[in-house]
Amino acid sequence: MIKPVGSLSYIWLLLGSAFILRVLLAPFGTLLLDHNTFVAWSTNLAQNGFAHFYDSWSDYLPGYLYILYLLGKINAGLSGVDTT
């Protein structure tokens, strides 16, 4: 049986290790289809908002879409695209 860990330092160590592992694996890329879908969704959300997002196909719940919306706005701001 697993003993409960009462230390926050263990949790931070676990999160830090997971982050470092993700950074080390990042150069190997991701599934291109997923990446392109997320980019298209974030651009769509940044340009059109949430009102008409589900008019086209999407199987994601709104929680993750808020993150994609924020990333789309950041991308538009950095690239100089007007999303209003």
PDB file of N, CA and C in Angstrom:
ATOM      1  N   MET A   1       0.833  -1.183   0.000  1.00  0.00           N
ATOM      2  CA  MET A   1       0.000   0.000   0.000  1.00  0.00           C
ATOM      3  C   MET A   1       0.879   1.249   0.000  1.00  0.00           C
ATOM      4  N   ILE A   2       0.448   2.255  -0.712  1.00  0.00           N
ATOM      5  CA  ILE A   2       1.220   3.492  -0.832  1.00  0.00           C
ATOM      6  C   ILE A   2       0.977   4.362   0.390  1.00  0.00           C
ATOM      7  N   LYS A   3       2.065   4.834   0.971  1.00  0.00           N
ATOM      8  CA  LYS A   3       1.947   5.721   2.124  1.00  0.00           C
ATOM      9  C   LYS A   3       1.666   7.136   1.642  1.00  0.00           C
ATOM     10  N   PRO A   4       0.789   7.880   2.316  1.00  0.00           N
ATOM     11  CA  PRO A   4       0.550   9.269   1.928  1.00  0.00           C
ATOM     12  C   PRO A   4       1.778  10.122   2.241  1.00  0.00           C
ATOM     13  N   VAL A   5       2.051  11.031   1.372  1.00  0.00           N
ATOM     14  CA  VAL A   5       3.196  11.921   1.541  1.00  0.00           C
ATOM     15  C   VAL A   5       2.675  13.233   2.098  1.00  0.00           C
ATOM     16  N   GLY A   6       3.210  13.640   3.213  1.00  0.00           N
ATOM     17  CA  GLY A   6       2.737  14.847   3.864  1.00  0.00           C
ATOM     18  C   GLY A   6       3.581  16.067   3.558  1.00  0.00           C
ATOM     19  N   SER A   7       4.509  15.960   2.660  1.00  0.00           N
ATOM     20  CA  SER A   7       5.436  17.054   2.406  1.00  0.00           C
ATOM     21  C   SER A   7       5.160  17.705   1.058  1.00  0.00           C
ATOM     22  N   LEU A   8       5.069  19.014   1.075  1.00  0.00           N
ATOM     23  CA  LEU A   8       4.900  19.750  -0.181  1.00  0.00           C
ATOM     24  C   LEU A   8       6.161  19.699  -1.032  1.00  0.00           C
ATOM     25  N   SER A   9       7.297  19.518  -0.398  1.00  0.00           N
ATOM     26  CA  SER A   9       8.542  19.469  -1.172  1.00  0.00           C
ATOM     27  C   SER A   9       8.552  18.265  -2.115  1.00  0.00           C
ATOM     28  N   TYR A  10       7.935  17.159  -1.708  1.00  0.00           N
ATOM     29  CA  TYR A  10       7.841  15.992  -2.577  1.00  0.00           C
ATOM     30  C   TYR A  10       6.991  16.313  -3.807  1.00  0.00           C
ATOM     31  N   ILE A  11       5.904  17.017  -3.606  1.00  0.00           N
ATOM     32  CA  ILE A  11       5.030  17.389  -4.727  1.00  0.00           C
ATOM     33  C   ILE A  11       5.761  18.329  -5.679  1.00  0.00           C
ATOM     34  N   TRP A  12       6.480  19.312  -5.127  1.00  0.00           N
ATOM     35  CA  TRP A  12       7.229  20.242  -5.977  1.00  0.00           C
ATOM     36  C   TRP A  12       8.347  19.523  -6.730  1.00  0.00           C
ATOM     37  N   LEU A  13       8.975  18.560  -6.076  1.00  0.00           N
ATOM     38  CA  LEU A  13      10.007  17.765  -6.740  1.00  0.00           C
ATOM     39  C   LEU A  13       9.412  16.970  -7.897  1.00  0.00           C
ATOM     40  N   LEU A  14       8.255  16.382  -7.679  1.00  0.00           N
ATOM     41  CA  LEU A  14       7.582  15.619  -8.726  1.00  0.00           C
ATOM     42  C   LEU A  14       7.177  16.520  -9.893  1.00  0.00           C
ATOM     43  N   LEU A  15       6.589  17.672  -9.593  1.00  0.00           N
ATOM     44  CA  LEU A  15       6.194  18.607 -10.651  1.00  0.00           C
ATOM     45  C   LEU A  15       7.407  19.145 -11.407  1.00  0.00           C
ATOM     46  N   GLY A  16       8.467  19.465 -10.680  1.00  0.00           N
ATOM     47  CA  GLY A  16       9.683  19.953 -11.326  1.00  0.00           C
ATOM     48  C   GLY A  16      10.318  18.905 -12.222  1.00  0.00           C
ATOM     49  N   SER A  17      10.332  17.665 -11.757  1.00  0.00           N
ATOM     50  CA  SER A  17      10.881  16.579 -12.574  1.00  0.00           C
ATOM     51  C   SER A  17      10.058  16.367 -13.838  1.00  0.00           C
ATOM     52  N   ALA A  18       8.740  16.427 -13.709  1.00  0.00           N
ATOM     53  CA  ALA A  18       7.866  16.269 -14.877  1.00  0.00           C
ATOM     54  C   ALA A  18       8.089  17.404 -15.869  1.00  0.00           C
ATOM     55  N   PHE A  19       8.269  18.625 -15.362  1.00  0.00           N
ATOM     56  CA  PHE A  19       8.512  19.771 -16.242  1.00  0.00           C
ATOM     57  C   PHE A  19       9.833  19.609 -16.993  1.00  0.00           C
ATOM     58  N   ILE A  20      10.866  19.217 -16.281  1.00  0.00           N
ATOM     59  CA  ILE A  20      12.170  19.021 -16.924  1.00  0.00           C
ATOM     60  C   ILE A  20      12.090  17.928 -17.983  1.00  0.00           C
ATOM     61  N   LEU A  21      11.386  16.862 -17.686  1.00  0.00           N
ATOM     62  CA  LEU A  21      11.209  15.790 -18.666  1.00  0.00           C
ATOM     63  C   LEU A  21      10.489  16.300 -19.912  1.00  0.00           C
ATOM     64  N   ARG A  22       9.458  17.127 -19.724  1.00  0.00           N
ATOM     65  CA  ARG A  22       8.735  17.687 -20.876  1.00  0.00           C
ATOM     66  C   ARG A  22       9.643  18.579 -21.715  1.00  0.00           C
ATOM     67  N   VAL A  23      10.465  19.381 -21.058  1.00  0.00           N
ATOM     68  CA  VAL A  23      11.385  20.260 -21.781  1.00  0.00           C
ATOM     69  C   VAL A  23      12.405  19.434 -22.563  1.00  0.00           C
ATOM     70  N   LEU A  24      12.894  18.366 -21.967  1.00  0.00           N
ATOM     71  CA  LEU A  24      13.871  17.515 -22.655  1.00  0.00           C
ATOM     72  C   LEU A  24      13.257  16.778 -23.844  1.00  0.00           C
ATOM     73  N   LEU A  25      11.983  16.424 -23.762  1.00  0.00           N
ATOM     74  CA  LEU A  25      11.324  15.709 -24.852  1.00  0.00           C
ATOM     75  C   LEU A  25      10.739  16.637 -25.919  1.00  0.00           C
ATOM     76  N   ALA A  26      10.661  17.925 -25.634  1.00  0.00           N
ATOM     77  CA  ALA A  26      10.049  18.882 -26.567  1.00  0.00           C
ATOM     78  C   ALA A  26      10.693  18.897 -27.953  1.00  0.00           C
ATOM     79  N   PRO A  27      12.006  18.774 -28.090  1.00  0.00           N
ATOM     80  CA  PRO A  27      12.588  18.803 -29.441  1.00  0.00           C
ATOM     81  C   PRO A  27      12.126  17.665 -30.349  1.00  0.00           C
ATOM     82  N   PHE A  28      11.581  16.615 -29.778  1.00  0.00           N
ATOM     83  CA  PHE A  28      11.137  15.491 -30.590  1.00  0.00           C
ATOM     84  C   PHE A  28       9.766  15.721 -31.207  1.00  0.00           C
ATOM     85  N   GLY A  29       9.118  16.823 -30.860  1.00  0.00           N
ATOM     86  CA  GLY A  29       7.878  17.203 -31.513  1.00  0.00           C
ATOM     87  C   GLY A  29       6.639  16.540 -30.956  1.00  0.00           C
ATOM     88  N   THR A  30       5.558  16.744 -31.678  1.00  0.00           N
ATOM     89  CA  THR A  30       4.254  16.233 -31.291  1.00  0.00           C
ATOM     90  C   THR A  30       3.543  15.730 -32.536  1.00  0.00           C
ATOM     91  N   LEU A  31       2.390  15.183 -32.365  1.00  0.00           N
ATOM     92  CA  LEU A  31       1.601  14.740 -33.502  1.00  0.00           C
ATOM     93  C   LEU A  31       1.158  15.978 -34.282  1.00  0.00           C
ATOM     94  N   LEU A  32       1.565  16.082 -35.519  1.00  0.00           N
ATOM     95  CA  LEU A  32       1.325  17.274 -36.322  1.00  0.00           C
ATOM     96  C   LEU A  32      -0.163  17.569 -36.484  1.00  0.00           C
ATOM     97  N   LEU A  33      -0.980  16.550 -36.630  1.00  0.00           N
ATOM     98  CA  LEU A  33      -2.418  16.753 -36.776  1.00  0.00           C
ATOM     99  C   LEU A  33      -3.006  17.421 -35.539  1.00  0.00           C
ATOM    100  N   ASP A  34      -2.640  16.950 -34.357  1.00  0.00           N
ATOM    101  CA  ASP A  34      -3.121  17.572 -33.124  1.00  0.00           C
ATOM    102  C   ASP A  34      -2.635  19.010 -33.013  1.00  0.00           C
ATOM    103  N   HIS A  35      -1.364  19.221 -33.298  1.00  0.00           N
ATOM    104  CA  HIS A  35      -0.796  20.563 -33.198  1.00  0.00           C
ATOM    105  C   HIS A  35      -1.524  21.534 -34.119  1.00  0.00           C
ATOM    106  N   ASN A  36      -1.729  21.147 -35.360  1.00  0.00           N
ATOM    107  CA  ASN A  36      -2.417  22.020 -36.313  1.00  0.00           C
ATOM    108  C   ASN A  36      -3.862  22.274 -35.906  1.00  0.00           C
ATOM    109  N   THR A  37      -4.516  21.276 -35.327  1.00  0.00           N
ATOM    110  CA  THR A  37      -5.888  21.461 -34.854  1.00  0.00           C
ATOM    111  C   THR A  37      -5.930  22.471 -33.723  1.00  0.00           C
ATOM    112  N   PHE A  38      -5.019  22.366 -32.768  1.00  0.00           N
ATOM    113  CA  PHE A  38      -4.992  23.305 -31.655  1.00  0.00           C
ATOM    114  C   PHE A  38      -4.680  24.724 -32.129  1.00  0.00           C
ATOM    115  N   VAL A  39      -3.783  24.858 -33.090  1.00  0.00           N
ATOM    116  CA  VAL A  39      -3.467  26.181 -33.641  1.00  0.00           C
ATOM    117  C   VAL A  39      -4.688  26.766 -34.339  1.00  0.00           C
ATOM    118  N   ALA A  40      -5.385  25.959 -35.124  1.00  0.00           N
ATOM    119  CA  ALA A  40      -6.585  26.440 -35.818  1.00  0.00           C
ATOM    120  C   ALA A  40      -7.669  26.826 -34.823  1.00  0.00           C
ATOM    121  N   TRP A  41      -7.864  26.032 -33.792  1.00  0.00           N
ATOM    122  CA  TRP A  41      -8.876  26.356 -32.786  1.00  0.00           C
ATOM    123  C   TRP A  41      -8.522  27.639 -32.043  1.00  0.00           C
ATOM    124  N   SER A  42      -7.255  27.812 -31.676  1.00  0.00           N
ATOM    125  CA  SER A  42      -6.874  29.020 -30.949  1.00  0.00           C
ATOM    126  C   SER A  42      -7.021  30.255 -31.825  1.00  0.00           C
ATOM    127  N   THR A  43      -6.692  30.144 -33.097  1.00  0.00           N
ATOM    128  CA  THR A  43      -6.880  31.267 -34.021  1.00  0.00           C
ATOM    129  C   THR A  43      -8.358  31.580 -34.190  1.00  0.00           C
ATOM    130  N   ASN A  44      -9.172  30.554 -34.346  1.00  0.00           N
ATOM    131  CA  ASN A  44     -10.617  30.730 -34.483  1.00  0.00           C
ATOM    132  C   ASN A  44     -11.202  31.391 -33.240  1.00  0.00           C
ATOM    133  N   LEU A  45     -10.804  30.940 -32.066  1.00  0.00           N
ATOM    134  CA  LEU A  45     -11.305  31.532 -30.825  1.00  0.00           C
ATOM    135  C   LEU A  45     -10.866  32.981 -30.679  1.00  0.00           C
ATOM    136  N   ALA A  46      -9.623  33.279 -31.026  1.00  0.00           N
ATOM    137  CA  ALA A  46      -9.123  34.645 -30.905  1.00  0.00           C
ATOM    138  C   ALA A  46      -9.838  35.584 -31.862  1.00  0.00           C
ATOM    139  N   GLN A  47     -10.171  35.115 -33.048  1.00  0.00           N
ATOM    140  CA  GLN A  47     -10.811  35.971 -34.043  1.00  0.00           C
ATOM    141  C   GLN A  47     -12.318  36.065 -33.868  1.00  0.00           C
ATOM    142  N   ASN A  48     -12.971  34.962 -33.492  1.00  0.00           N
ATOM    143  CA  ASN A  48     -14.433  34.924 -33.473  1.00  0.00           C
ATOM    144  C   ASN A  48     -15.039  34.788 -32.088  1.00  0.00           C
ATOM    145  N   GLY A  49     -14.251  34.508 -31.086  1.00  0.00           N
ATOM    146  CA  GLY A  49     -14.775  34.329 -29.742  1.00  0.00           C
ATOM    147  C   GLY A  49     -15.443  32.979 -29.565  1.00  0.00           C
ATOM    148  N   PHE A  50     -16.103  32.824 -28.420  1.00  0.00           N
ATOM    149  CA  PHE A  50     -16.700  31.542 -28.067  1.00  0.00           C
ATOM    150  C   PHE A  50     -18.094  31.340 -28.647  1.00  0.00           C
ATOM    151  N   ALA A  51     -18.755  32.405 -29.058  1.00  0.00           N
ATOM    152  CA  ALA A  51     -20.162  32.319 -29.458  1.00  0.00           C
ATOM    153  C   ALA A  51     -20.399  31.337 -30.596  1.00  0.00           C
ATOM    154  N   HIS A  52     -19.511  31.294 -31.566  1.00  0.00           N
ATOM    155  CA  HIS A  52     -19.726  30.448 -32.739  1.00  0.00           C
ATOM    156  C   HIS A  52     -18.688  29.334 -32.858  1.00  0.00           C
ATOM    157  N   PHE A  53     -17.948  29.087 -31.788  1.00  0.00           N
ATOM    158  CA  PHE A  53     -16.884  28.088 -31.876  1.00  0.00           C
ATOM    159  C   PHE A  53     -17.423  26.696 -32.158  1.00  0.00           C
ATOM    160  N   TYR A  54     -18.505  26.336 -31.502  1.00  0.00           N
ATOM    161  CA  TYR A  54     -19.043  24.982 -31.669  1.00  0.00           C
ATOM    162  C   TYR A  54     -19.918  24.843 -32.906  1.00  0.00           C
ATOM    163  N   ASP A  55     -19.998  25.881 -33.747  1.00  0.00           N
ATOM    164  CA  ASP A  55     -20.692  25.733 -35.033  1.00  0.00           C
ATOM    165  C   ASP A  55     -19.942  24.750 -35.928  1.00  0.00           C
ATOM    166  N   SER A  56     -18.623  24.739 -35.805  1.00  0.00           N
ATOM    167  CA  SER A  56     -17.821  23.758 -36.535  1.00  0.00           C
ATOM    168  C   SER A  56     -17.479  22.617 -35.573  1.00  0.00           C
ATOM    169  N   TRP A  57     -16.734  21.642 -36.059  1.00  0.00           N
ATOM    170  CA  TRP A  57     -16.465  20.449 -35.268  1.00  0.00           C
ATOM    171  C   TRP A  57     -15.441  20.710 -34.176  1.00  0.00           C
ATOM    172  N   SER A  58     -15.779  20.279 -32.964  1.00  0.00           N
ATOM    173  CA  SER A  58     -14.846  20.294 -31.850  1.00  0.00           C
ATOM    174  C   SER A  58     -15.349  19.319 -30.795  1.00  0.00           C
ATOM    175  N   ASP A  59     -14.449  18.536 -30.235  1.00  0.00           N
ATOM    176  CA  ASP A  59     -14.843  17.594 -29.192  1.00  0.00           C
ATOM    177  C   ASP A  59     -14.206  17.924 -27.849  1.00  0.00           C
ATOM    178  N   TYR A  60     -13.774  19.168 -27.680  1.00  0.00           N
ATOM    179  CA  TYR A  60     -13.156  19.566 -26.426  1.00  0.00           C
ATOM    180  C   TYR A  60     -14.151  20.348 -25.586  1.00  0.00           C
ATOM    181  N   LEU A  61     -14.035  20.183 -24.279  1.00  0.00           N
ATOM    182  CA  LEU A  61     -14.863  20.932 -23.347  1.00  0.00           C
ATOM    183  C   LEU A  61     -14.288  22.339 -23.183  1.00  0.00           C
ATOM    184  N   PRO A  62     -15.088  23.271 -22.696  1.00  0.00           N
ATOM    185  CA  PRO A  62     -14.652  24.674 -22.642  1.00  0.00           C
ATOM    186  C   PRO A  62     -13.408  24.947 -21.809  1.00  0.00           C
ATOM    187  N   GLY A  63     -13.099  24.157 -20.808  1.00  0.00           N
ATOM    188  CA  GLY A  63     -11.945  24.446 -19.951  1.00  0.00           C
ATOM    189  C   GLY A  63     -10.652  24.630 -20.722  1.00  0.00           C
ATOM    190  N   TYR A  64     -10.322  23.696 -21.591  1.00  0.00           N
ATOM    191  CA  TYR A  64      -9.092  23.786 -22.376  1.00  0.00           C
ATOM    192  C   TYR A  64      -9.191  24.882 -23.429  1.00  0.00           C
ATOM    193  N   LEU A  65     -10.391  25.168 -23.872  1.00  0.00           N
ATOM    194  CA  LEU A  65     -10.562  26.190 -24.903  1.00  0.00           C
ATOM    195  C   LEU A  65     -10.226  27.581 -24.380  1.00  0.00           C
ATOM    196  N   TYR A  66     -10.404  27.810 -23.078  1.00  0.00           N
ATOM    197  CA  TYR A  66      -9.993  29.098 -22.509  1.00  0.00           C
ATOM    198  C   TYR A  66      -8.482  29.281 -22.644  1.00  0.00           C
ATOM    199  N   ILE A  67      -7.739  28.213 -22.459  1.00  0.00           N
ATOM    200  CA  ILE A  67      -6.285  28.272 -22.632  1.00  0.00           C
ATOM    201  C   ILE A  67      -5.942  28.539 -24.093  1.00  0.00           C
ATOM    202  N   LEU A  68      -6.621  27.845 -25.012  1.00  0.00           N
ATOM    203  CA  LEU A  68      -6.374  28.074 -26.438  1.00  0.00           C
ATOM    204  C   LEU A  68      -6.752  29.499 -26.840  1.00  0.00           C
ATOM    205  N   TYR A  69      -7.831  30.021 -26.270  1.00  0.00           N
ATOM    206  CA  TYR A  69      -8.241  31.403 -26.546  1.00  0.00           C
ATOM    207  C   TYR A  69      -7.140  32.367 -26.120  1.00  0.00           C
ATOM    208  N   LEU A  70      -6.633  32.174 -24.907  1.00  0.00           N
ATOM    209  CA  LEU A  70      -5.563  33.038 -24.406  1.00  0.00           C
ATOM    210  C   LEU A  70      -4.317  32.939 -25.281  1.00  0.00           C
ATOM    211  N   LEU A  71      -3.943  31.733 -25.667  1.00  0.00           N
ATOM    212  CA  LEU A  71      -2.781  31.561 -26.543  1.00  0.00           C
ATOM    213  C   LEU A  71      -3.010  32.187 -27.915  1.00  0.00           C
ATOM    214  N   GLY A  72      -4.238  32.104 -28.431  1.00  0.00           N
ATOM    215  CA  GLY A  72      -4.563  32.735 -29.710  1.00  0.00           C
ATOM    216  C   GLY A  72      -4.452  34.245 -29.635  1.00  0.00           C
ATOM    217  N   LYS A  73      -4.903  34.826 -28.509  1.00  0.00           N
ATOM    218  CA  LYS A  73      -4.790  36.275 -28.328  1.00  0.00           C
ATOM    219  C   LYS A  73      -3.327  36.701 -28.208  1.00  0.00           C
ATOM    220  N   ILE A  74      -2.542  35.920 -27.492  1.00  0.00           N
ATOM    221  CA  ILE A  74      -1.113  36.226 -27.367  1.00  0.00           C
ATOM    222  C   ILE A  74      -0.440  36.147 -28.733  1.00  0.00           C
ATOM    223  N   ASN A  75      -0.741  35.111 -29.492  1.00  0.00           N
ATOM    224  CA  ASN A  75      -0.171  34.959 -30.832  1.00  0.00           C
ATOM    225  C   ASN A  75      -0.575  36.122 -31.732  1.00  0.00           C
ATOM    226  N   ALA A  76      -1.846  36.513 -31.667  1.00  0.00           N
ATOM    227  CA  ALA A  76      -2.305  37.629 -32.491  1.00  0.00           C
ATOM    228  C   ALA A  76      -1.615  38.926 -32.080  1.00  0.00           C
ATOM    229  N   GLY A  77      -1.419  39.120 -30.787  1.00  0.00           N
ATOM    230  CA  GLY A  77      -0.741  40.320 -30.312  1.00  0.00           C
ATOM    231  C   GLY A  77       0.714  40.370 -30.739  1.00  0.00           C
ATOM    232  N   LEU A  78       1.373  39.234 -30.707  1.00  0.00           N
ATOM    233  CA  LEU A  78       2.779  39.188 -31.107  1.00  0.00           C
ATOM    234  C   LEU A  78       2.966  39.294 -32.613  1.00  0.00           C
ATOM    235  N   SER A  79       1.982  38.816 -33.373  1.00  0.00           N
ATOM    236  CA  SER A  79       2.111  38.862 -34.832  1.00  0.00           C
ATOM    237  C   SER A  79       1.482  40.115 -35.434  1.00  0.00           C
ATOM    238  N   GLY A  80       0.807  40.909 -34.602  1.00  0.00           N
ATOM    239  CA  GLY A  80       0.216  42.149 -35.082  1.00  0.00           C
ATOM    240  C   GLY A  80      -1.102  41.982 -35.805  1.00  0.00           C
ATOM    241  N   VAL A  81      -1.774  40.847 -35.649  1.00  0.00           N
ATOM    242  CA  VAL A  81      -3.058  40.599 -36.300  1.00  0.00           C
ATOM    243  C   VAL A  81      -4.162  41.195 -35.449  1.00  0.00           C
ATOM    244  N   ASP A  82      -5.085  41.919 -36.070  1.00  0.00           N
ATOM    245  CA  ASP A  82      -6.216  42.505 -35.357  1.00  0.00           C
ATOM    246  C   ASP A  82      -7.294  41.445 -35.178  1.00  0.00           C
ATOM    247  N   THR A  83      -7.652  41.134 -33.923  1.00  0.00           N
ATOM    248  CA  THR A  83      -8.653  40.107 -33.656  1.00  0.00           C
ATOM    249  C   THR A  83      -9.957  40.686 -33.139  1.00  0.00           C
ATOM    250  N   THR A  84     -10.146  41.993 -33.273  1.00  0.00           N
ATOM    251  CA  THR A  84     -11.391  42.593 -32.776  1.00  0.00           C
ATOM    252  C   THR A  84     -12.476  42.547 -33.810  1.00  0.00           C
TER     253      THR A  84
END
